[in-house]
Amino acid sequence: MIERLYSTYYKELLGWCSIMTQDLQQAEDLVQEAFLRAMHHTALLDKLEEQQRVSWLYRTIKNLYIDKIRHASFETTVEEMPESVAEPDEFVQVDYEQIILQLSEEEQKLFLMQYQGYDSKELGQIFGIPSGTVRAKLSSVRKKLRAVLQE
């Protein structure tokens, strides 16, 4: 079943993922990782219809990409932290990171990806929601953050 999915949908998934990531190598890695995960979840996939299996692959790729972006942003933050004693401004940065961690996982992803340059249309495509909903959620996140900062 996995082999048939691979031969039938690999190019379609790779094309979609290439558009999402703007990087063919990263797209290939994500699609391959999704098929590896599919191999580990064959019991679940056997119970699904064909279109549900394809949807599962799309959702898995999207989630892998979001996780990769989120982890990359945290890795960058960790790499930038100096080994010396932190200055007051550095403490403020740590405080902001702690505040962001108070958001739900989806809110964190939306917030961080928006400040990495994604617009509401792109975020809507990644998360599978309308761009207006993305803007509303980001507005809500900003209100939450302001409330926490004012405390």
C-alpha atoms as a PDB file:
ATOM      1  CA  MET A   1       0.000   0.000   0.000  1.00  0.00           C
ATOM      2  CA  ILE A   2       2.816   2.440   0.879  1.00  0.00           C
ATOM      3  CA  GLU A   3       4.604   1.617  -2.379  1.00  0.00           C
ATOM      4  CA  ARG A   4       1.450   2.382  -4.361  1.00  0.00           C
ATOM      5  CA  LEU A   5       0.960   5.670  -2.506  1.00  0.00           C
ATOM      6  CA  TYR A   6       4.594   6.538  -3.158  1.00  0.00           C
ATOM      7  CA  SER A   7       4.471   5.773  -6.867  1.00  0.00           C
ATOM      8  CA  THR A   8       1.135   7.534  -7.320  1.00  0.00           C
ATOM      9  CA  TYR A   9       1.528  10.647  -5.154  1.00  0.00           C
ATOM     10  CA  TYR A  10       5.256  11.289  -4.685  1.00  0.00           C
ATOM     11  CA  LYS A  11       5.577  13.851  -7.507  1.00  0.00           C
ATOM     12  CA  GLU A  12       2.357  15.624  -6.478  1.00  0.00           C
ATOM     13  CA  LEU A  13       3.476  15.833  -2.838  1.00  0.00           C
ATOM     14  CA  LEU A  14       6.967  16.949  -3.838  1.00  0.00           C
ATOM     15  CA  GLY A  15       5.589  19.714  -6.065  1.00  0.00           C
ATOM     16  CA  TRP A  16       3.285  20.993  -3.332  1.00  0.00           C
ATOM     17  CA  CYS A  17       6.015  20.820  -0.726  1.00  0.00           C
ATOM     18  CA  SER A  18       8.507  22.585  -3.030  1.00  0.00           C
ATOM     19  CA  ILE A  19       6.106  25.499  -3.356  1.00  0.00           C
ATOM     20  CA  MET A  20       5.607  25.587   0.417  1.00  0.00           C
ATOM     21  CA  THR A  21       9.310  25.415   1.326  1.00  0.00           C
ATOM     22  CA  GLN A  22      10.795  27.191  -1.722  1.00  0.00           C
ATOM     23  CA  ASP A  23      13.626  24.625  -1.442  1.00  0.00           C
ATOM     24  CA  LEU A  24      13.661  21.400  -3.474  1.00  0.00           C
ATOM     25  CA  GLN A  25      16.136  19.612  -1.192  1.00  0.00           C
ATOM     26  CA  GLN A  26      14.113  20.405   1.911  1.00  0.00           C
ATOM     27  CA  ALA A  27      10.925  19.365   0.107  1.00  0.00           C
ATOM     28  CA  GLU A  28      12.446  16.015  -0.838  1.00  0.00           C
ATOM     29  CA  ASP A  29      13.531  15.449   2.767  1.00  0.00           C
ATOM     30  CA  LEU A  30      10.080  16.277   4.120  1.00  0.00           C
ATOM     31  CA  VAL A  31       8.264  14.030   1.643  1.00  0.00           C
ATOM     32  CA  GLN A  32      10.658  11.164   2.369  1.00  0.00           C
ATOM     33  CA  GLU A  33      10.167  11.640   6.113  1.00  0.00           C
ATOM     34  CA  ALA A  34       6.383  11.579   5.644  1.00  0.00           C
ATOM     35  CA  PHE A  35       6.604   8.259   3.789  1.00  0.00           C
ATOM     36  CA  LEU A  36       8.860   6.858   6.522  1.00  0.00           C
ATOM     37  CA  ARG A  37       6.241   7.830   9.061  1.00  0.00           C
ATOM     38  CA  ALA A  38       3.581   6.249   6.886  1.00  0.00           C
ATOM     39  CA  MET A  39       5.535   2.992   7.032  1.00  0.00           C
ATOM     40  CA  HIS A  40       5.419   3.171  10.833  1.00  0.00           C
ATOM     41  CA  HIS A  41       1.666   3.860  10.776  1.00  0.00           C
ATOM     42  CA  THR A  42       0.510   1.252   8.257  1.00  0.00           C
ATOM     43  CA  ALA A  43      -2.041  -0.141  10.724  1.00  0.00           C
ATOM     44  CA  LEU A  44      -3.731   3.256  10.878  1.00  0.00           C
ATOM     45  CA  LEU A  45      -3.458   3.902   7.150  1.00  0.00           C
ATOM     46  CA  ASP A  46      -4.920   0.480   6.293  1.00  0.00           C
ATOM     47  CA  LYS A  47      -8.165   1.555   7.962  1.00  0.00           C
ATOM     48  CA  LEU A  48      -8.420   4.725   5.853  1.00  0.00           C
ATOM     49  CA  GLU A  49      -9.737   5.242   2.350  1.00  0.00           C
ATOM     50  CA  GLU A  50      -7.372   6.315  -0.425  1.00  0.00           C
ATOM     51  CA  GLN A  51      -8.161  10.049  -0.210  1.00  0.00           C
ATOM     52  CA  GLN A  52      -7.831   9.979   3.581  1.00  0.00           C
ATOM     53  CA  ARG A  53      -4.381   8.417   3.223  1.00  0.00           C
ATOM     54  CA  VAL A  54      -3.327  11.174   0.840  1.00  0.00           C
ATOM     55  CA  SER A  55      -4.718  13.788   3.240  1.00  0.00           C
ATOM     56  CA  TRP A  56      -2.767  12.130   6.045  1.00  0.00           C
ATOM     57  CA  LEU A  57       0.422  12.490   3.986  1.00  0.00           C
ATOM     58  CA  TYR A  58      -0.263  16.170   3.235  1.00  0.00           C
ATOM     59  CA  ARG A  59      -0.981  16.900   6.880  1.00  0.00           C
ATOM     60  CA  THR A  60       2.127  15.003   7.997  1.00  0.00           C
ATOM     61  CA  ILE A  61       4.340  16.953   5.584  1.00  0.00           C
ATOM     62  CA  LYS A  62       2.816  20.259   6.695  1.00  0.00           C
ATOM     63  CA  ASN A  63       3.365  19.391  10.365  1.00  0.00           C
ATOM     64  CA  LEU A  64       6.942  18.257   9.714  1.00  0.00           C
ATOM     65  CA  TYR A  65       7.637  21.569   7.967  1.00  0.00           C
ATOM     66  CA  ILE A  66       6.126  23.621  10.776  1.00  0.00           C
ATOM     67  CA  ASP A  67       8.139  21.676  13.349  1.00  0.00           C
ATOM     68  CA  LYS A  68      11.309  22.183  11.306  1.00  0.00           C
ATOM     69  CA  ILE A  69      10.727  25.943  11.172  1.00  0.00           C
ATOM     70  CA  ARG A  70       9.943  26.122  14.875  1.00  0.00           C
ATOM     71  CA  HIS A  71      13.008  24.112  15.851  1.00  0.00           C
ATOM     72  CA  ALA A  72      15.211  26.160  13.528  1.00  0.00           C
ATOM     73  CA  SER A  73      14.066  29.370  15.216  1.00  0.00           C
ATOM     74  CA  PHE A  74      14.821  27.939  18.655  1.00  0.00           C
ATOM     75  CA  GLU A  75      18.208  26.619  17.491  1.00  0.00           C
ATOM     76  CA  THR A  76      19.114  30.054  16.166  1.00  0.00           C
ATOM     77  CA  THR A  77      18.197  31.602  19.506  1.00  0.00           C
ATOM     78  CA  VAL A  78      20.304  29.080  21.399  1.00  0.00           C
ATOM     79  CA  GLU A  79      23.271  29.540  19.066  1.00  0.00           C
ATOM     80  CA  GLU A  80      23.176  33.300  19.555  1.00  0.00           C
ATOM     81  CA  MET A  81      23.288  33.169  23.349  1.00  0.00           C
ATOM     82  CA  PRO A  82      26.752  34.108  24.637  1.00  0.00           C
ATOM     83  CA  GLU A  83      28.736  31.985  27.045  1.00  0.00           C
ATOM     84  CA  SER A  84      29.460  34.964  29.303  1.00  0.00           C
ATOM     85  CA  VAL A  85      27.212  36.322  32.023  1.00  0.00           C
ATOM     86  CA  ALA A  86      24.019  37.695  30.573  1.00  0.00           C
ATOM     87  CA  GLU A  87      23.501  41.423  30.290  1.00  0.00           C
ATOM     88  CA  PRO A  88      20.140  42.962  31.271  1.00  0.00           C
ATOM     89  CA  ASP A  89      18.997  43.058  27.619  1.00  0.00           C
ATOM     90  CA  GLU A  90      19.702  39.344  27.353  1.00  0.00           C
ATOM     91  CA  PHE A  91      17.463  38.700  30.353  1.00  0.00           C
ATOM     92  CA  VAL A  92      14.681  40.564  28.568  1.00  0.00           C
ATOM     93  CA  GLN A  93      15.095  38.243  25.562  1.00  0.00           C
ATOM     94  CA  VAL A  94      14.766  35.196  27.829  1.00  0.00           C
ATOM     95  CA  ASP A  95      11.634  36.744  29.380  1.00  0.00           C
ATOM     96  CA  TYR A  96      10.097  37.179  25.915  1.00  0.00           C
ATOM     97  CA  GLU A  97      10.843  33.557  25.068  1.00  0.00           C
ATOM     98  CA  GLN A  98       9.166  32.429  28.303  1.00  0.00           C
ATOM     99  CA  ILE A  99       6.130  34.563  27.489  1.00  0.00           C
ATOM    100  CA  ILE A 100       5.841  33.034  24.024  1.00  0.00           C
ATOM    101  CA  LEU A 101       5.981  29.567  25.557  1.00  0.00           C
ATOM    102  CA  GLN A 102       2.752  30.422  27.427  1.00  0.00           C
ATOM    103  CA  LEU A 103       0.885  30.420  24.103  1.00  0.00           C
ATOM    104  CA  SER A 104      -0.693  27.270  22.699  1.00  0.00           C
ATOM    105  CA  GLU A 105       1.402  25.326  20.200  1.00  0.00           C
ATOM    106  CA  GLU A 106      -0.633  26.586  17.231  1.00  0.00           C
ATOM    107  CA  GLU A 107      -0.401  30.180  18.481  1.00  0.00           C
ATOM    108  CA  GLN A 108       3.375  29.857  18.875  1.00  0.00           C
ATOM    109  CA  LYS A 109       3.721  28.505  15.347  1.00  0.00           C
ATOM    110  CA  LEU A 110       1.556  31.241  13.852  1.00  0.00           C
ATOM    111  CA  PHE A 111       3.297  34.002  15.799  1.00  0.00           C
ATOM    112  CA  LEU A 112       6.846  32.846  15.067  1.00  0.00           C
ATOM    113  CA  MET A 113       6.193  32.091  11.409  1.00  0.00           C
ATOM    114  CA  GLN A 114       4.560  35.490  10.910  1.00  0.00           C
ATOM    115  CA  TYR A 115       7.650  37.221  12.258  1.00  0.00           C
ATOM    116  CA  GLN A 116       9.836  35.062  10.048  1.00  0.00           C
ATOM    117  CA  GLY A 117       8.209  36.714   7.038  1.00  0.00           C
ATOM    118  CA  TYR A 118       5.168  34.582   6.224  1.00  0.00           C
ATOM    119  CA  ASP A 119       2.047  36.552   5.349  1.00  0.00           C
ATOM    120  CA  SER A 120      -1.487  35.565   6.328  1.00  0.00           C
ATOM    121  CA  LYS A 121      -2.172  33.958   2.944  1.00  0.00           C
ATOM    122  CA  GLU A 122       0.895  31.710   3.194  1.00  0.00           C
ATOM    123  CA  LEU A 123       0.115  30.842   6.805  1.00  0.00           C
ATOM    124  CA  GLY A 124      -3.452  30.036   5.821  1.00  0.00           C
ATOM    125  CA  GLN A 125      -2.191  27.621   3.182  1.00  0.00           C
ATOM    126  CA  ILE A 126       0.231  25.966   5.604  1.00  0.00           C
ATOM    127  CA  PHE A 127      -2.326  25.604   8.397  1.00  0.00           C
ATOM    128  CA  GLY A 128      -5.268  24.892   6.102  1.00  0.00           C
ATOM    129  CA  ILE A 129      -7.364  27.834   7.309  1.00  0.00           C
ATOM    130  CA  PRO A 130      -8.586  31.047   5.625  1.00  0.00           C
ATOM    131  CA  SER A 131      -6.205  34.019   5.716  1.00  0.00           C
ATOM    132  CA  GLY A 132      -8.840  36.063   7.580  1.00  0.00           C
ATOM    133  CA  THR A 133      -8.842  33.455  10.338  1.00  0.00           C
ATOM    134  CA  VAL A 134      -5.041  33.662  10.473  1.00  0.00           C
ATOM    135  CA  ARG A 135      -5.227  37.443  10.932  1.00  0.00           C
ATOM    136  CA  ALA A 136      -7.866  37.065  13.652  1.00  0.00           C
ATOM    137  CA  LYS A 137      -5.779  34.467  15.487  1.00  0.00           C
ATOM    138  CA  LEU A 138      -2.657  36.632  15.242  1.00  0.00           C
ATOM    139  CA  SER A 139      -4.606  39.576  16.624  1.00  0.00           C
ATOM    140  CA  SER A 140      -5.738  37.421  19.517  1.00  0.00           C
ATOM    141  CA  VAL A 141      -2.162  36.268  20.136  1.00  0.00           C
ATOM    142  CA  ARG A 142      -0.925  39.866  20.214  1.00  0.00           C
ATOM    143  CA  LYS A 143      -3.634  40.780  22.737  1.00  0.00           C
ATOM    144  CA  LYS A 144      -2.619  37.851  24.941  1.00  0.00           C
ATOM    145  CA  LEU A 145       1.031  38.858  24.750  1.00  0.00           C
ATOM    146  CA  ARG A 146       0.236  42.494  25.588  1.00  0.00           C
ATOM    147  CA  ALA A 147      -1.800  41.373  28.600  1.00  0.00           C
ATOM    148  CA  VAL A 148       1.048  39.175  29.857  1.00  0.00           C
ATOM    149  CA  LEU A 149       3.605  41.953  29.315  1.00  0.00           C
ATOM    150  CA  GLN A 150       1.460  44.480  31.191  1.00  0.00           C
ATOM    151  CA  GLU A 151       1.351  42.183  34.225  1.00  0.00           C
END
